[in-house]
Amino acid sequence: MAAPPGGSFAGAVVALLRLSRTSLLREGGGNGARGFSSSSLHLLREQQQQQEEEEDKEFGGGGEFTKSNEEERRNSAADSSSSSDTNTNNKILRLIAHDREKAGRLSANRARKDGFIPCAVFKQGEIEKTSEVCAVSEREVEKLLRKFTKYGLRTKLIDIVLDDGKRTVKAIPQQIQMHAYKNQVNNITFMRVDPETIVKVPIPVKVTGQDDCPGTKLGAFVSHTRKTIKVKCRSDQIPEAFFVDVSNMNVKDNVKIANLDIPEGVVICEHDLETPIVKMAGKLKKS
């Protein structure tokens, strides 16, 4: 059966159910066919009418989605999607940690050979000897790095599952140490935090609008002079990044730290707020 004009699959299903019920009642007739008495048929018709009214309320009129109703549903879904996107950095990631027997080079090398990255989990203000040593899957960390990059991952709140799943602590990557010449993570240091813990973290600087930048069309190029900006904030309010729009920048223009849009509760920890972080460099094309 084809879907109603301007409707959807759900509307077609509702229409089909109604047609089946109507056919059944008609075949029942007034002669008690199919075992229905006249009083039973009357009750069935009342139930059918009541059910159709409920369906009208649920599906917006006769089980059909009109064009305006369909657009309204899509707009509502888009609104809910966009509202959730604004809080993407608040989403807590998860890593399962495996206990290491003890700290040291031999234990770390054994973990690396088995496909794990040696880690240490400590709490802010504690001495290094009280940190917990563990190891996390190299494959899982590589997935996170591909998605967020090294700088982006340091802004993420991560659930670290310890003691064979018996307890979970929240932490942020304080240090991600790379191998001297290989493109792989050597070890990670996590800092255990509570939601209200004040932390200092480097926030990535991301440039947008380069395709529409008038300066690049005149022969200049966007010089990304600072990759990160240090800030201080609560661990559950870490910004995902500082976005710099260069779509209106011309030759010799620049954006300074002081020009950034700083979220509420975030404090910049840089000494010179007049430091340029993005600027237009290069010479103009000769006409």
Protein backbone atom coordinates (compact mmCIF):
# COMPACT_ATOMS: atom_id res chain seq x y z
CA MET A 1 0.00 0.00 0.00
CA ALA A 2 1.37 3.40 -0.96
CA ALA A 3 1.99 6.01 1.70
CA PRO A 4 -0.59 8.83 1.92
CA PRO A 5 0.20 11.97 -0.09
CA GLY A 6 2.81 14.04 1.72
CA GLY A 7 2.93 11.31 4.37
CA SER A 8 5.39 8.73 5.62
CA PHE A 9 5.71 5.04 6.35
CA ALA A 10 4.17 5.52 9.83
CA GLY A 11 1.11 7.15 8.25
CA ALA A 12 0.76 4.28 5.80
CA VAL A 13 0.87 1.73 8.62
CA VAL A 14 -1.85 3.55 10.54
CA ALA A 15 -4.03 3.79 7.43
CA LEU A 16 -3.56 0.05 6.79
CA LEU A 17 -4.60 -0.81 10.35
CA ARG A 18 -7.72 1.29 10.00
CA LEU A 19 -8.62 -0.34 6.68
CA SER A 20 -8.23 -3.80 8.24
CA ARG A 21 -10.47 -2.91 11.15
CA THR A 22 -13.10 -1.38 8.86
CA SER A 23 -13.12 -4.46 6.59
CA LEU A 24 -13.46 -6.72 9.59
CA LEU A 25 -16.45 -4.80 10.88
CA ARG A 26 -18.10 -4.74 7.47
CA GLU A 27 -17.65 -8.47 7.02
CA GLY A 28 -19.14 -8.94 10.46
CA GLY A 29 -22.27 -7.16 9.20
CA GLY A 30 -25.40 -7.09 11.35
CA ASN A 31 -26.05 -10.84 11.23
CA GLY A 32 -23.59 -11.93 13.86
CA ALA A 33 -21.13 -13.22 11.24
CA ARG A 34 -17.69 -14.29 12.46
CA GLY A 35 -19.24 -14.76 15.91
CA PHE A 36 -19.92 -11.06 16.57
CA SER A 37 -23.31 -10.06 17.93
CA SER A 38 -24.82 -6.67 17.09
CA SER A 39 -23.91 -5.35 20.54
CA SER A 40 -20.34 -6.60 20.10
CA LEU A 41 -20.11 -4.90 16.71
CA HIS A 42 -21.38 -1.66 18.23
CA LEU A 43 -18.74 -1.90 20.95
CA LEU A 44 -16.05 -2.63 18.37
CA ARG A 45 -17.08 0.43 16.34
CA GLU A 46 -16.86 2.61 19.46
CA GLN A 47 -13.43 1.22 20.24
CA GLN A 48 -12.36 1.85 16.65
CA GLN A 49 -13.55 5.45 16.78
CA GLN A 50 -11.80 6.01 20.11
CA GLN A 51 -8.57 4.48 18.80
CA GLU A 52 -8.69 6.64 15.66
CA GLU A 53 -9.08 9.75 17.81
CA GLU A 54 -6.03 8.73 19.84
CA GLU A 55 -4.07 8.08 16.64
CA ASP A 56 -5.06 11.49 15.32
CA LYS A 57 -3.60 13.09 18.41
CA GLU A 58 -0.40 11.05 18.13
CA PHE A 59 0.22 11.30 14.39
CA GLY A 60 -1.32 14.67 13.61
CA GLY A 61 -4.59 13.99 11.79
CA GLY A 62 -5.78 10.71 10.32
CA GLY A 63 -2.40 9.04 10.67
CA GLU A 64 -0.97 11.27 7.91
CA PHE A 65 2.07 13.50 8.20
CA THR A 66 1.33 16.66 6.27
CA LYS A 67 4.25 18.56 4.78
CA SER A 68 4.12 21.17 7.52
CA ASN A 69 4.03 18.51 10.24
CA GLU A 70 6.97 16.70 8.68
CA GLU A 71 8.98 19.92 8.44
CA GLU A 72 8.12 20.72 12.04
CA ARG A 73 9.40 17.30 13.15
CA ARG A 74 12.64 17.76 11.21
CA ASN A 75 13.18 21.25 12.61
CA SER A 76 12.57 19.96 16.11
CA ALA A 77 15.08 17.15 15.59
CA ALA A 78 17.61 19.61 14.17
CA ASP A 79 17.17 21.91 17.16
CA SER A 80 17.73 19.08 19.63
CA SER A 81 20.77 17.92 17.63
CA SER A 82 22.33 21.39 17.54
CA SER A 83 21.73 21.92 21.24
CA SER A 84 23.52 18.68 22.06
CA ASP A 85 26.43 19.59 19.77
CA THR A 86 27.22 22.67 21.88
CA ASN A 87 28.10 20.38 24.80
CA THR A 88 30.26 17.89 22.92
CA ASN A 89 33.29 18.62 25.08
CA ASN A 90 31.27 17.71 28.19
CA LYS A 91 30.89 14.15 26.96
CA ILE A 92 33.07 11.90 29.14
CA LEU A 93 35.25 9.39 27.31
CA ARG A 94 36.16 5.99 28.74
CA LEU A 95 39.36 3.95 28.89
CA ILE A 96 39.83 0.57 30.55
CA ALA A 97 43.14 0.42 32.43
CA HIS A 98 45.02 -2.78 33.20
CA ASP A 99 47.02 -3.00 36.41
CA ARG A 100 50.80 -3.10 36.18
CA GLU A 101 52.78 -5.02 38.76
CA LYS A 102 55.07 -2.09 39.50
CA ALA A 103 56.54 1.05 38.03
CA GLY A 104 59.78 0.99 36.08
CA ARG A 105 61.28 0.55 32.64
CA LEU A 106 60.96 -3.25 32.50
CA SER A 107 57.25 -3.17 33.36
CA ALA A 108 56.65 -0.36 30.86
CA ASN A 109 58.49 -2.15 28.04
CA ARG A 110 56.55 -5.35 28.73
CA ALA A 111 53.28 -3.41 28.47
CA ARG A 112 54.31 -1.86 25.14
CA LYS A 113 55.19 -5.27 23.69
CA ASP A 114 51.70 -6.48 24.62
CA GLY A 115 50.04 -3.55 22.79
CA PHE A 116 49.50 -1.26 25.78
CA ILE A 117 50.66 2.23 26.73
CA PRO A 118 52.16 2.66 30.23
CA CYS A 119 50.25 5.22 32.30
CA ALA A 120 50.33 6.88 35.69
CA VAL A 121 47.29 8.32 37.44
CA PHE A 122 47.89 10.91 40.15
CA LYS A 123 45.85 13.51 42.00
CA GLN A 124 46.66 17.19 41.85
CA GLY A 125 48.89 18.17 44.79
CA GLU A 126 50.00 14.62 45.58
CA ILE A 127 53.60 13.53 45.36
CA GLU A 128 54.63 11.34 42.45
CA LYS A 129 55.21 8.26 44.63
CA THR A 130 51.48 8.04 45.41
CA SER A 131 50.46 7.78 41.74
CA GLU A 132 48.90 4.57 40.42
CA VAL A 133 50.62 2.78 37.56
CA CYS A 134 48.56 1.05 34.89
CA ALA A 135 48.35 0.55 31.12
CA VAL A 136 45.69 1.33 28.50
CA SER A 137 45.10 -0.12 25.05
CA GLU A 138 47.33 1.45 22.40
CA ARG A 139 44.61 0.92 19.79
CA GLU A 140 42.00 2.79 21.85
CA VAL A 141 44.35 5.72 22.44
CA GLU A 142 45.17 5.90 18.73
CA LYS A 143 41.45 6.13 17.97
CA LEU A 144 41.11 9.07 20.37
CA LEU A 145 44.15 10.80 18.91
CA ARG A 146 42.81 10.46 15.37
CA LYS A 147 39.54 11.98 16.48
CA PHE A 148 40.74 14.77 18.79
CA THR A 149 44.52 15.17 18.08
CA LYS A 150 47.11 15.30 20.85
CA TYR A 151 46.21 18.85 21.89
CA GLY A 152 42.47 18.23 21.74
CA LEU A 153 42.67 15.07 23.86
CA ARG A 154 44.28 17.03 26.70
CA THR A 155 41.02 18.97 27.10
CA LYS A 156 38.89 15.83 27.53
CA LEU A 157 37.52 14.39 30.75
CA ILE A 158 38.07 10.62 30.72
CA ASP A 159 36.68 7.83 32.89
CA ILE A 160 39.60 5.55 33.80
CA VAL A 161 38.35 2.09 34.80
CA LEU A 162 40.74 0.54 37.36
CA ASP A 163 41.05 -2.62 39.46
CA ASP A 164 39.41 -4.95 36.90
CA GLY A 165 36.35 -2.72 36.64
CA LYS A 166 35.82 -2.38 40.39
CA ARG A 167 36.27 1.40 40.43
CA THR A 168 36.31 4.33 38.04
CA VAL A 169 38.07 7.67 38.41
CA LYS A 170 37.71 10.80 36.31
CA ALA A 171 40.92 12.22 34.91
CA ILE A 172 42.36 14.42 32.19
CA PRO A 173 45.57 13.65 30.24
CA GLN A 174 48.16 15.90 31.89
CA GLN A 175 51.00 14.78 29.65
CA ILE A 176 51.11 12.72 26.45
CA GLN A 177 54.71 11.80 25.70
CA MET A 178 55.49 10.73 22.15
CA HIS A 179 58.30 8.40 21.02
CA ALA A 180 61.54 10.14 20.05
CA TYR A 181 61.31 9.27 16.34
CA LYS A 182 58.25 7.04 15.88
CA ASN A 183 54.72 8.38 15.50
CA GLN A 184 53.40 6.63 18.59
CA VAL A 185 52.59 7.42 22.21
CA ASN A 186 55.30 6.43 24.67
CA ASN A 187 53.39 7.01 27.92
CA ILE A 188 50.54 9.06 29.38
CA THR A 189 50.19 10.82 32.71
CA PHE A 190 46.60 11.32 33.88
CA MET A 191 45.55 13.77 36.57
CA ARG A 192 42.62 12.56 38.68
CA VAL A 193 40.01 15.29 39.15
CA ASP A 194 36.57 15.99 40.57
CA PRO A 195 34.02 18.08 38.61
CA GLU A 196 34.78 21.15 40.76
CA THR A 197 38.57 20.74 40.54
CA ILE A 198 40.30 23.82 39.09
CA VAL A 199 42.80 22.75 36.43
CA LYS A 200 45.25 24.42 34.09
CA VAL A 201 45.07 23.08 30.54
CA PRO A 202 46.27 24.15 27.07
CA ILE A 203 43.31 24.82 24.78
CA PRO A 204 43.83 24.32 21.02
CA VAL A 205 43.46 27.27 18.64
CA LYS A 206 41.51 26.38 15.49
CA VAL A 207 41.23 28.58 12.41
CA THR A 208 38.01 28.77 10.37
CA GLY A 209 36.93 30.72 7.27
CA GLN A 210 40.18 30.36 5.30
CA ASP A 211 38.35 29.74 2.02
CA ASP A 212 36.63 33.15 2.26
CA CYS A 213 39.65 35.07 3.55
CA PRO A 214 40.28 38.16 1.37
CA GLY A 215 43.94 38.26 2.43
CA THR A 216 44.71 34.85 0.94
CA LYS A 217 43.09 35.89 -2.33
CA LEU A 218 45.57 38.77 -2.52
CA GLY A 219 48.57 36.46 -2.07
CA ALA A 220 49.01 36.41 1.73
CA PHE A 221 48.66 33.31 3.92
CA VAL A 222 47.31 32.56 7.39
CA SER A 223 50.14 32.19 9.92
CA HIS A 224 49.11 30.10 12.92
CA THR A 225 51.56 31.50 15.48
CA ARG A 226 50.07 29.85 18.61
CA LYS A 227 48.70 26.30 18.65
CA THR A 228 47.41 26.41 22.23
CA ILE A 229 46.42 28.93 24.91
CA LYS A 230 46.78 28.05 28.60
CA VAL A 231 43.66 28.56 30.69
CA LYS A 232 42.40 27.84 34.19
CA CYS A 233 38.87 26.54 34.80
CA ARG A 234 36.80 23.75 36.35
CA SER A 235 37.48 20.30 34.96
CA ASP A 236 33.87 20.01 33.73
CA GLN A 237 34.00 23.38 31.94
CA ILE A 238 37.08 22.95 29.75
CA PRO A 239 36.50 24.57 26.33
CA GLU A 240 36.86 22.32 23.31
CA ALA A 241 38.93 24.93 21.44
CA PHE A 242 39.30 28.64 20.69
CA PHE A 243 37.94 29.21 17.19
CA VAL A 244 39.39 32.11 15.18
CA ASP A 245 37.38 33.24 12.14
CA VAL A 246 39.68 34.67 9.45
CA SER A 247 36.99 35.14 6.78
CA ASN A 248 37.26 38.95 7.11
CA MET A 249 41.02 39.24 7.66
CA ASN A 250 43.10 41.20 5.18
CA VAL A 251 46.84 41.49 4.63
CA LYS A 252 48.78 42.45 7.81
CA ASP A 253 45.72 41.84 10.03
CA ASN A 254 46.13 39.75 13.17
CA VAL A 255 44.13 38.28 16.05
CA LYS A 256 45.50 38.60 19.58
CA ILE A 257 44.77 36.60 22.73
CA ALA A 258 42.78 39.58 24.01
CA ASN A 259 40.45 39.29 20.97
CA LEU A 260 39.32 35.75 21.82
CA ASP A 261 35.80 35.01 22.98
CA ILE A 262 36.42 33.64 26.47
CA PRO A 263 33.62 31.50 28.01
CA GLU A 264 32.35 32.32 31.47
CA GLY A 265 34.38 30.68 34.22
CA VAL A 266 37.52 30.40 32.07
CA VAL A 267 40.62 32.46 32.96
CA ILE A 268 43.50 33.01 30.53
CA CYS A 269 46.87 32.10 32.05
CA GLU A 270 49.09 33.94 29.55
CA HIS A 271 51.32 36.86 30.57
CA ASP A 272 50.88 39.00 27.44
CA LEU A 273 47.32 39.23 26.14
CA GLU A 274 48.54 41.30 23.17
CA THR A 275 50.40 38.31 21.74
CA PRO A 276 49.19 37.55 18.17
CA ILE A 277 47.91 34.01 17.75
CA VAL A 278 46.85 34.24 14.08
CA LYS A 279 48.06 36.75 11.51
CA MET A 280 48.09 37.35 7.77
CA ALA A 281 51.65 37.10 6.44
CA GLY A 282 53.30 37.24 3.03
CA LYS A 283 53.50 39.70 0.17
CA LEU A 284 50.76 40.92 -2.12
CA LYS A 285 50.48 39.56 -5.63
CA LYS A 286 51.82 41.91 -8.24
CA SER A 287 49.08 43.14 -10.54
